[in-house]
Amino acid sequence: MSGRVEEGPASLYGGVSLGLGVIGLTCMAFYAFGVGPLAFVLGPLAVTFGILGLVSKVNKSKSVIGLLMGLIPTGLLLLLPFGVAPL
């Protein structure tokens, strides 16, 4: 083992998942300003890239954090009936 970092698309899955998760959570925080639907797109993308990152076994910690951060806006938006907050 030389300790080299693998190069290629698989090494980017964790970072992409983390980035999309952060942007999705930020959009969810500003849901009242009309950017909530963007979180509904970015959340599942973060989950997808998180799963791909876990399968490729590169940057697993970033993949897990991105996966969890993508699940939060996805789950919250699925609980909101027709885009109206129940609270």
PDB file of N, CA and C in Angstrom:
ATOM      1  N   MET A   1       0.833  -1.176   0.000  1.00  0.00           N
ATOM      2  CA  MET A   1       0.000   0.000   0.000  1.00  0.00           C
ATOM      3  C   MET A   1       0.881   1.245   0.000  1.00  0.00           C
ATOM      4  N   SER A   2       0.737   2.034  -1.001  1.00  0.00           N
ATOM      5  CA  SER A   2       1.551   3.235  -1.103  1.00  0.00           C
ATOM      6  C   SER A   2       0.868   4.458  -0.498  1.00  0.00           C
ATOM      7  N   GLY A   3      -0.414   4.360  -0.141  1.00  0.00           N
ATOM      8  CA  GLY A   3      -1.111   5.481   0.452  1.00  0.00           C
ATOM      9  C   GLY A   3      -1.554   6.529  -0.556  1.00  0.00           C
ATOM     10  N   ARG A   4      -1.548   6.169  -1.831  1.00  0.00           N
ATOM     11  CA  ARG A   4      -1.971   7.115  -2.865  1.00  0.00           C
ATOM     12  C   ARG A   4      -3.485   7.262  -2.856  1.00  0.00           C
ATOM     13  N   VAL A   5      -3.919   8.431  -3.248  1.00  0.00           N
ATOM     14  CA  VAL A   5      -5.351   8.670  -3.412  1.00  0.00           C
ATOM     15  C   VAL A   5      -5.728   8.234  -4.817  1.00  0.00           C
ATOM     16  N   GLU A   6      -6.808   7.482  -4.910  1.00  0.00           N
ATOM     17  CA  GLU A   6      -7.245   7.014  -6.223  1.00  0.00           C
ATOM     18  C   GLU A   6      -7.757   8.189  -7.050  1.00  0.00           C
ATOM     19  N   GLU A   7      -7.423   8.187  -8.315  1.00  0.00           N
ATOM     20  CA  GLU A   7      -7.902   9.215  -9.230  1.00  0.00           C
ATOM     21  C   GLU A   7      -9.037   8.630 -10.061  1.00  0.00           C
ATOM     22  N   GLY A   8      -9.933   9.472 -10.477  1.00  0.00           N
ATOM     23  CA  GLY A   8     -11.026   9.033 -11.324  1.00  0.00           C
ATOM     24  C   GLY A   8     -12.351   9.546 -10.806  1.00  0.00           C
ATOM     25  N   PRO A   9     -13.409   9.236 -11.515  1.00  0.00           N
ATOM     26  CA  PRO A   9     -14.727   9.747 -11.138  1.00  0.00           C
ATOM     27  C   PRO A   9     -15.201   9.227  -9.787  1.00  0.00           C
ATOM     28  N   ALA A  10     -14.799   8.027  -9.419  1.00  0.00           N
ATOM     29  CA  ALA A  10     -15.264   7.458  -8.156  1.00  0.00           C
ATOM     30  C   ALA A  10     -14.754   8.237  -6.956  1.00  0.00           C
ATOM     31  N   SER A  11     -13.634   8.911  -7.101  1.00  0.00           N
ATOM     32  CA  SER A  11     -13.106   9.678  -5.970  1.00  0.00           C
ATOM     33  C   SER A  11     -13.895  10.957  -5.732  1.00  0.00           C
ATOM     34  N   LEU A  12     -14.742  11.341  -6.657  1.00  0.00           N
ATOM     35  CA  LEU A  12     -15.522  12.569  -6.522  1.00  0.00           C
ATOM     36  C   LEU A  12     -16.916  12.351  -5.947  1.00  0.00           C
ATOM     37  N   TYR A  13     -17.367  11.115  -5.845  1.00  0.00           N
ATOM     38  CA  TYR A  13     -18.737  10.857  -5.402  1.00  0.00           C
ATOM     39  C   TYR A  13     -19.005  11.403  -4.005  1.00  0.00           C
ATOM     40  N   GLY A  14     -18.079  11.224  -3.082  1.00  0.00           N
ATOM     41  CA  GLY A  14     -18.285  11.700  -1.716  1.00  0.00           C
ATOM     42  C   GLY A  14     -18.386  13.211  -1.649  1.00  0.00           C
ATOM     43  N   GLY A  15     -17.490  13.903  -2.323  1.00  0.00           N
ATOM     44  CA  GLY A  15     -17.515  15.365  -2.318  1.00  0.00           C
ATOM     45  C   GLY A  15     -18.744  15.939  -2.992  1.00  0.00           C
ATOM     46  N   VAL A  16     -19.145  15.331  -4.082  1.00  0.00           N
ATOM     47  CA  VAL A  16     -20.354  15.793  -4.792  1.00  0.00           C
ATOM     48  C   VAL A  16     -21.585  15.567  -3.920  1.00  0.00           C
ATOM     49  N   SER A  17     -21.643  14.417  -3.270  1.00  0.00           N
ATOM     50  CA  SER A  17     -22.766  14.123  -2.390  1.00  0.00           C
ATOM     51  C   SER A  17     -22.825  15.119  -1.237  1.00  0.00           C
ATOM     52  N   LEU A  18     -21.681  15.404  -0.657  1.00  0.00           N
ATOM     53  CA  LEU A  18     -21.624  16.355   0.443  1.00  0.00           C
ATOM     54  C   LEU A  18     -22.036  17.754  -0.015  1.00  0.00           C
ATOM     55  N   GLY A  19     -21.539  18.178  -1.152  1.00  0.00           N
ATOM     56  CA  GLY A  19     -21.883  19.500  -1.671  1.00  0.00           C
ATOM     57  C   GLY A  19     -23.362  19.635  -1.992  1.00  0.00           C
ATOM     58  N   LEU A  20     -23.919  18.630  -2.649  1.00  0.00           N
ATOM     59  CA  LEU A  20     -25.347  18.678  -2.978  1.00  0.00           C
ATOM     60  C   LEU A  20     -26.206  18.630  -1.720  1.00  0.00           C
ATOM     61  N   GLY A  21     -25.754  17.872  -0.727  1.00  0.00           N
ATOM     62  CA  GLY A  21     -26.494  17.810   0.533  1.00  0.00           C
ATOM     63  C   GLY A  21     -26.517  19.148   1.250  1.00  0.00           C
ATOM     64  N   VAL A  22     -25.390  19.832   1.277  1.00  0.00           N
ATOM     65  CA  VAL A  22     -25.318  21.151   1.921  1.00  0.00           C
ATOM     66  C   VAL A  22     -26.197  22.155   1.181  1.00  0.00           C
ATOM     67  N   ILE A  23     -26.121  22.155  -0.134  1.00  0.00           N
ATOM     68  CA  ILE A  23     -26.945  23.087  -0.916  1.00  0.00           C
ATOM     69  C   ILE A  23     -28.428  22.752  -0.751  1.00  0.00           C
ATOM     70  N   GLY A  24     -28.747  21.457  -0.717  1.00  0.00           N
ATOM     71  CA  GLY A  24     -30.141  21.055  -0.506  1.00  0.00           C
ATOM     72  C   GLY A  24     -30.669  21.486   0.844  1.00  0.00           C
ATOM     73  N   LEU A  25     -29.856  21.338   1.894  1.00  0.00           N
ATOM     74  CA  LEU A  25     -30.282  21.791   3.221  1.00  0.00           C
ATOM     75  C   LEU A  25     -30.433  23.305   3.273  1.00  0.00           C
ATOM     76  N   THR A  26     -29.554  24.018   2.603  1.00  0.00           N
ATOM     77  CA  THR A  26     -29.652  25.472   2.567  1.00  0.00           C
ATOM     78  C   THR A  26     -30.932  25.906   1.843  1.00  0.00           C
ATOM     79  N   CYS A  27     -31.232  25.247   0.751  1.00  0.00           N
ATOM     80  CA  CYS A  27     -32.475  25.561   0.029  1.00  0.00           C
ATOM     81  C   CYS A  27     -33.691  25.237   0.890  1.00  0.00           C
ATOM     82  N   MET A  28     -33.603  24.163   1.664  1.00  0.00           N
ATOM     83  CA  MET A  28     -34.717  23.807   2.537  1.00  0.00           C
ATOM     84  C   MET A  28     -34.890  24.848   3.634  1.00  0.00           C
ATOM     85  N   ALA A  29     -33.775  25.414   4.117  1.00  0.00           N
ATOM     86  CA  ALA A  29     -33.857  26.438   5.154  1.00  0.00           C
ATOM     87  C   ALA A  29     -34.534  27.703   4.620  1.00  0.00           C
ATOM     88  N   PHE A  30     -34.343  27.975   3.338  1.00  0.00           N
ATOM     89  CA  PHE A  30     -34.961  29.149   2.718  1.00  0.00           C
ATOM     90  C   PHE A  30     -36.188  28.752   1.900  1.00  0.00           C
ATOM     91  N   TYR A  31     -36.912  27.768   2.379  1.00  0.00           N
ATOM     92  CA  TYR A  31     -38.095  27.253   1.692  1.00  0.00           C
ATOM     93  C   TYR A  31     -39.140  28.344   1.475  1.00  0.00           C
ATOM     94  N   ALA A  32     -39.282  29.231   2.451  1.00  0.00           N
ATOM     95  CA  ALA A  32     -40.301  30.294   2.359  1.00  0.00           C
ATOM     96  C   ALA A  32     -39.994  31.280   1.240  1.00  0.00           C
ATOM     97  N   PHE A  33     -38.745  31.327   0.794  1.00  0.00           N
ATOM     98  CA  PHE A  33     -38.380  32.261  -0.272  1.00  0.00           C
ATOM     99  C   PHE A  33     -38.503  31.640  -1.660  1.00  0.00           C
ATOM    100  N   GLY A  34     -39.029  30.435  -1.749  1.00  0.00           N
ATOM    101  CA  GLY A  34     -39.308  29.834  -3.038  1.00  0.00           C
ATOM    102  C   GLY A  34     -38.224  28.932  -3.599  1.00  0.00           C
ATOM    103  N   VAL A  35     -37.200  28.618  -2.829  1.00  0.00           N
ATOM    104  CA  VAL A  35     -36.146  27.735  -3.351  1.00  0.00           C
ATOM    105  C   VAL A  35     -36.293  26.306  -2.820  1.00  0.00           C
ATOM    106  N   GLY A  36     -37.416  26.014  -2.176  1.00  0.00           N
ATOM    107  CA  GLY A  36     -37.667  24.675  -1.652  1.00  0.00           C
ATOM    108  C   GLY A  36     -37.721  23.588  -2.715  1.00  0.00           C
ATOM    109  N   PRO A  37     -38.350  23.840  -3.864  1.00  0.00           N
ATOM    110  CA  PRO A  37     -38.366  22.795  -4.894  1.00  0.00           C
ATOM    111  C   PRO A  37     -36.979  22.408  -5.396  1.00  0.00           C
ATOM    112  N   LEU A  38     -36.042  23.318  -5.321  1.00  0.00           N
ATOM    113  CA  LEU A  38     -34.669  22.976  -5.698  1.00  0.00           C
ATOM    114  C   LEU A  38     -34.085  21.948  -4.732  1.00  0.00           C
ATOM    115  N   ALA A  39     -34.475  22.026  -3.465  1.00  0.00           N
ATOM    116  CA  ALA A  39     -34.030  21.043  -2.478  1.00  0.00           C
ATOM    117  C   ALA A  39     -34.598  19.669  -2.798  1.00  0.00           C
ATOM    118  N   PHE A  40     -35.781  19.640  -3.391  1.00  0.00           N
ATOM    119  CA  PHE A  40     -36.396  18.361  -3.750  1.00  0.00           C
ATOM    120  C   PHE A  40     -35.637  17.681  -4.887  1.00  0.00           C
ATOM    121  N   VAL A  41     -34.921  18.451  -5.686  1.00  0.00           N
ATOM    122  CA  VAL A  41     -34.092  17.891  -6.752  1.00  0.00           C
ATOM    123  C   VAL A  41     -32.707  17.524  -6.220  1.00  0.00           C
ATOM    124  N   LEU A  42     -32.135  18.403  -5.407  1.00  0.00           N
ATOM    125  CA  LEU A  42     -30.772  18.199  -4.929  1.00  0.00           C
ATOM    126  C   LEU A  42     -30.676  17.106  -3.861  1.00  0.00           C
ATOM    127  N   GLY A  43     -31.725  16.941  -3.056  1.00  0.00           N
ATOM    128  CA  GLY A  43     -31.715  15.912  -2.014  1.00  0.00           C
ATOM    129  C   GLY A  43     -31.543  14.503  -2.573  1.00  0.00           C
ATOM    130  N   PRO A  44     -32.403  14.084  -3.511  1.00  0.00           N
ATOM    131  CA  PRO A  44     -32.221  12.747  -4.094  1.00  0.00           C
ATOM    132  C   PRO A  44     -30.905  12.594  -4.860  1.00  0.00           C
ATOM    133  N   LEU A  45     -30.422  13.675  -5.474  1.00  0.00           N
ATOM    134  CA  LEU A  45     -29.116  13.591  -6.138  1.00  0.00           C
ATOM    135  C   LEU A  45     -28.008  13.337  -5.116  1.00  0.00           C
ATOM    136  N   ALA A  46     -28.088  14.010  -3.967  1.00  0.00           N
ATOM    137  CA  ALA A  46     -27.097  13.787  -2.911  1.00  0.00           C
ATOM    138  C   ALA A  46     -27.159  12.351  -2.397  1.00  0.00           C
ATOM    139  N   VAL A  47     -28.365  11.826  -2.270  1.00  0.00           N
ATOM    140  CA  VAL A  47     -28.527  10.436  -1.827  1.00  0.00           C
ATOM    141  C   VAL A  47     -27.926   9.486  -2.862  1.00  0.00           C
ATOM    142  N   THR A  48     -28.190   9.741  -4.131  1.00  0.00           N
ATOM    143  CA  THR A  48     -27.668   8.885  -5.196  1.00  0.00           C
ATOM    144  C   THR A  48     -26.143   8.878  -5.209  1.00  0.00           C
ATOM    145  N   PHE A  49     -25.539  10.063  -5.160  1.00  0.00           N
ATOM    146  CA  PHE A  49     -24.083  10.125  -5.168  1.00  0.00           C
ATOM    147  C   PHE A  49     -23.495   9.569  -3.875  1.00  0.00           C
ATOM    148  N   GLY A  50     -24.210   9.694  -2.765  1.00  0.00           N
ATOM    149  CA  GLY A  50     -23.747   9.090  -1.517  1.00  0.00           C
ATOM    150  C   GLY A  50     -23.710   7.580  -1.596  1.00  0.00           C
ATOM    151  N   ILE A  51     -24.726   6.995  -2.203  1.00  0.00           N
ATOM    152  CA  ILE A  51     -24.756   5.535  -2.367  1.00  0.00           C
ATOM    153  C   ILE A  51     -23.652   5.082  -3.318  1.00  0.00           C
ATOM    154  N   LEU A  52     -23.468   5.822  -4.405  1.00  0.00           N
ATOM    155  CA  LEU A  52     -22.381   5.490  -5.327  1.00  0.00           C
ATOM    156  C   LEU A  52     -21.019   5.583  -4.639  1.00  0.00           C
ATOM    157  N   GLY A  53     -20.852   6.581  -3.778  1.00  0.00           N
ATOM    158  CA  GLY A  53     -19.603   6.728  -3.050  1.00  0.00           C
ATOM    159  C   GLY A  53     -19.369   5.597  -2.069  1.00  0.00           C
ATOM    160  N   LEU A  54     -20.433   5.114  -1.442  1.00  0.00           N
ATOM    161  CA  LEU A  54     -20.282   3.990  -0.519  1.00  0.00           C
ATOM    162  C   LEU A  54     -19.952   2.710  -1.261  1.00  0.00           C
ATOM    163  N   VAL A  55     -20.509   2.547  -2.435  1.00  0.00           N
ATOM    164  CA  VAL A  55     -20.222   1.351  -3.230  1.00  0.00           C
ATOM    165  C   VAL A  55     -18.783   1.368  -3.729  1.00  0.00           C
ATOM    166  N   SER A  56     -18.291   2.556  -4.107  1.00  0.00           N
ATOM    167  CA  SER A  56     -16.927   2.643  -4.638  1.00  0.00           C
ATOM    168  C   SER A  56     -15.874   2.611  -3.531  1.00  0.00           C
ATOM    169  N   LYS A  57     -16.286   2.779  -2.273  1.00  0.00           N
ATOM    170  CA  LYS A  57     -15.403   2.694  -1.108  1.00  0.00           C
ATOM    171  C   LYS A  57     -14.288   3.726  -1.118  1.00  0.00           C
ATOM    172  N   VAL A  58     -14.528   4.885  -1.717  1.00  0.00           N
ATOM    173  CA  VAL A  58     -13.581   5.986  -1.704  1.00  0.00           C
ATOM    174  C   VAL A  58     -14.286   7.165  -1.043  1.00  0.00           C
ATOM    175  N   ASN A  59     -13.637   7.819  -0.091  1.00  0.00           N
ATOM    176  CA  ASN A  59     -14.224   8.936   0.660  1.00  0.00           C
ATOM    177  C   ASN A  59     -15.539   8.525   1.311  1.00  0.00           C
ATOM    178  N   LYS A  60     -15.506   7.424   2.056  1.00  0.00           N
ATOM    179  CA  LYS A  60     -16.730   6.902   2.651  1.00  0.00           C
ATOM    180  C   LYS A  60     -17.347   7.863   3.649  1.00  0.00           C
ATOM    181  N   SER A  61     -16.522   8.593   4.398  1.00  0.00           N
ATOM    182  CA  SER A  61     -17.091   9.508   5.398  1.00  0.00           C
ATOM    183  C   SER A  61     -17.858  10.642   4.719  1.00  0.00           C
ATOM    184  N   LYS A  62     -17.313  11.190   3.649  1.00  0.00           N
ATOM    185  CA  LYS A  62     -18.021  12.233   2.911  1.00  0.00           C
ATOM    186  C   LYS A  62     -19.302  11.688   2.300  1.00  0.00           C
ATOM    187  N   SER A  63     -19.247  10.452   1.836  1.00  0.00           N
ATOM    188  CA  SER A  63     -20.430   9.844   1.219  1.00  0.00           C
ATOM    189  C   SER A  63     -21.546   9.659   2.240  1.00  0.00           C
ATOM    190  N   VAL A  64     -21.194   9.220   3.431  1.00  0.00           N
ATOM    191  CA  VAL A  64     -22.209   9.007   4.466  1.00  0.00           C
ATOM    192  C   VAL A  64     -22.819  10.330   4.899  1.00  0.00           C
ATOM    193  N   ILE A  65     -21.976  11.342   5.117  1.00  0.00           N
ATOM    194  CA  ILE A  65     -22.496  12.647   5.524  1.00  0.00           C
ATOM    195  C   ILE A  65     -23.372  13.239   4.421  1.00  0.00           C
ATOM    196  N   GLY A  66     -22.945  13.146   3.176  1.00  0.00           N
ATOM    197  CA  GLY A  66     -23.752  13.644   2.065  1.00  0.00           C
ATOM    198  C   GLY A  66     -25.060  12.887   1.920  1.00  0.00           C
ATOM    199  N   LEU A  67     -25.008  11.578   2.150  1.00  0.00           N
ATOM    200  CA  LEU A  67     -26.212  10.754   2.087  1.00  0.00           C
ATOM    201  C   LEU A  67     -27.218  11.202   3.142  1.00  0.00           C
ATOM    202  N   LEU A  68     -26.753  11.404   4.363  1.00  0.00           N
ATOM    203  CA  LEU A  68     -27.649  11.835   5.435  1.00  0.00           C
ATOM    204  C   LEU A  68     -28.168  13.246   5.205  1.00  0.00           C
ATOM    205  N   MET A  69     -27.304  14.118   4.709  1.00  0.00           N
ATOM    206  CA  MET A  69     -27.749  15.488   4.447  1.00  0.00           C
ATOM    207  C   MET A  69     -28.731  15.533   3.285  1.00  0.00           C
ATOM    208  N   GLY A  70     -28.632  14.611   2.357  1.00  0.00           N
ATOM    209  CA  GLY A  70     -29.600  14.540   1.264  1.00  0.00           C
ATOM    210  C   GLY A  70     -30.926  13.953   1.691  1.00  0.00           C
ATOM    211  N   LEU A  71     -30.900  13.071   2.712  1.00  0.00           N
ATOM    212  CA  LEU A  71     -32.139  12.472   3.193  1.00  0.00           C
ATOM    213  C   LEU A  71     -33.003  13.472   3.954  1.00  0.00           C
ATOM    214  N   ILE A  72     -32.382  14.449   4.592  1.00  0.00           N
ATOM    215  CA  ILE A  72     -33.151  15.411   5.393  1.00  0.00           C
ATOM    216  C   ILE A  72     -34.096  16.238   4.522  1.00  0.00           C
ATOM    217  N   PRO A  73     -33.608  16.945   3.482  1.00  0.00           N
ATOM    218  CA  PRO A  73     -34.569  17.720   2.687  1.00  0.00           C
ATOM    219  C   PRO A  73     -35.542  16.844   1.912  1.00  0.00           C
ATOM    220  N   THR A  74     -35.088  15.675   1.482  1.00  0.00           N
ATOM    221  CA  THR A  74     -35.987  14.779   0.751  1.00  0.00           C
ATOM    222  C   THR A  74     -37.121  14.322   1.653  1.00  0.00           C
ATOM    223  N   GLY A  75     -36.796  13.909   2.863  1.00  0.00           N
ATOM    224  CA  GLY A  75     -37.815  13.447   3.806  1.00  0.00           C
ATOM    225  C   GLY A  75     -38.753  14.557   4.238  1.00  0.00           C
ATOM    226  N   LEU A  76     -38.216  15.745   4.489  1.00  0.00           N
ATOM    227  CA  LEU A  76     -39.070  16.854   4.908  1.00  0.00           C
ATOM    228  C   LEU A  76     -40.005  17.289   3.797  1.00  0.00           C
ATOM    229  N   LEU A  77     -39.512  17.327   2.586  1.00  0.00           N
ATOM    230  CA  LEU A  77     -40.374  17.759   1.488  1.00  0.00           C
ATOM    231  C   LEU A  77     -41.428  16.721   1.143  1.00  0.00           C
ATOM    232  N   LEU A  78     -41.131  15.451   1.395  1.00  0.00           N
ATOM    233  CA  LEU A  78     -42.152  14.432   1.168  1.00  0.00           C
ATOM    234  C   LEU A  78     -43.245  14.493   2.225  1.00  0.00           C
ATOM    235  N   LEU A  79     -42.921  15.037   3.395  1.00  0.00           N
ATOM    236  CA  LEU A  79     -43.921  15.168   4.447  1.00  0.00           C
ATOM    237  C   LEU A  79     -44.827  16.384   4.250  1.00  0.00           C
ATOM    238  N   LEU A  80     -44.381  17.335   3.451  1.00  0.00           N
ATOM    239  CA  LEU A  80     -45.175  18.536   3.224  1.00  0.00           C
ATOM    240  C   LEU A  80     -46.218  18.266   2.129  1.00  0.00           C
ATOM    241  N   PRO A  81     -47.481  18.333   2.467  1.00  0.00           N
ATOM    242  CA  PRO A  81     -48.511  18.050   1.458  1.00  0.00           C
ATOM    243  C   PRO A  81     -48.650  19.206   0.472  1.00  0.00           C
ATOM    244  N   PHE A  82     -48.350  18.942  -0.772  1.00  0.00           N
ATOM    245  CA  PHE A  82     -48.478  19.903  -1.865  1.00  0.00           C
ATOM    246  C   PHE A  82     -47.706  21.187  -1.622  1.00  0.00           C
ATOM    247  N   GLY A  83     -46.595  21.109  -0.934  1.00  0.00           N
ATOM    248  CA  GLY A  83     -45.745  22.263  -0.735  1.00  0.00           C
ATOM    249  C   GLY A  83     -46.207  23.238   0.341  1.00  0.00           C
ATOM    250  N   VAL A  84     -47.173  22.839   1.157  1.00  0.00           N
ATOM    251  CA  VAL A  84     -47.671  23.705   2.226  1.00  0.00           C
ATOM    252  C   VAL A  84     -47.284  23.061   3.552  1.00  0.00           C
ATOM    253  N   ALA A  85     -46.620  23.820   4.411  1.00  0.00           N
ATOM    254  CA  ALA A  85     -46.173  23.290   5.696  1.00  0.00           C
ATOM    255  C   ALA A  85     -47.373  22.980   6.588  1.00  0.00           C
ATOM    256  N   PRO A  86     -47.389  21.800   7.224  1.00  0.00           N
ATOM    257  CA  PRO A  86     -48.531  21.446   8.072  1.00  0.00           C
ATOM    258  C   PRO A  86     -48.534  22.167   9.420  1.00  0.00           C
ATOM    259  N   LEU A  87     -47.438  22.826   9.750  1.00  0.00           N
ATOM    260  CA  LEU A  87     -47.381  23.479  11.062  1.00  0.00           C
ATOM    261  C   LEU A  87     -47.992  24.840  11.014  1.00  0.00           C
TER     262      LEU A  87
END
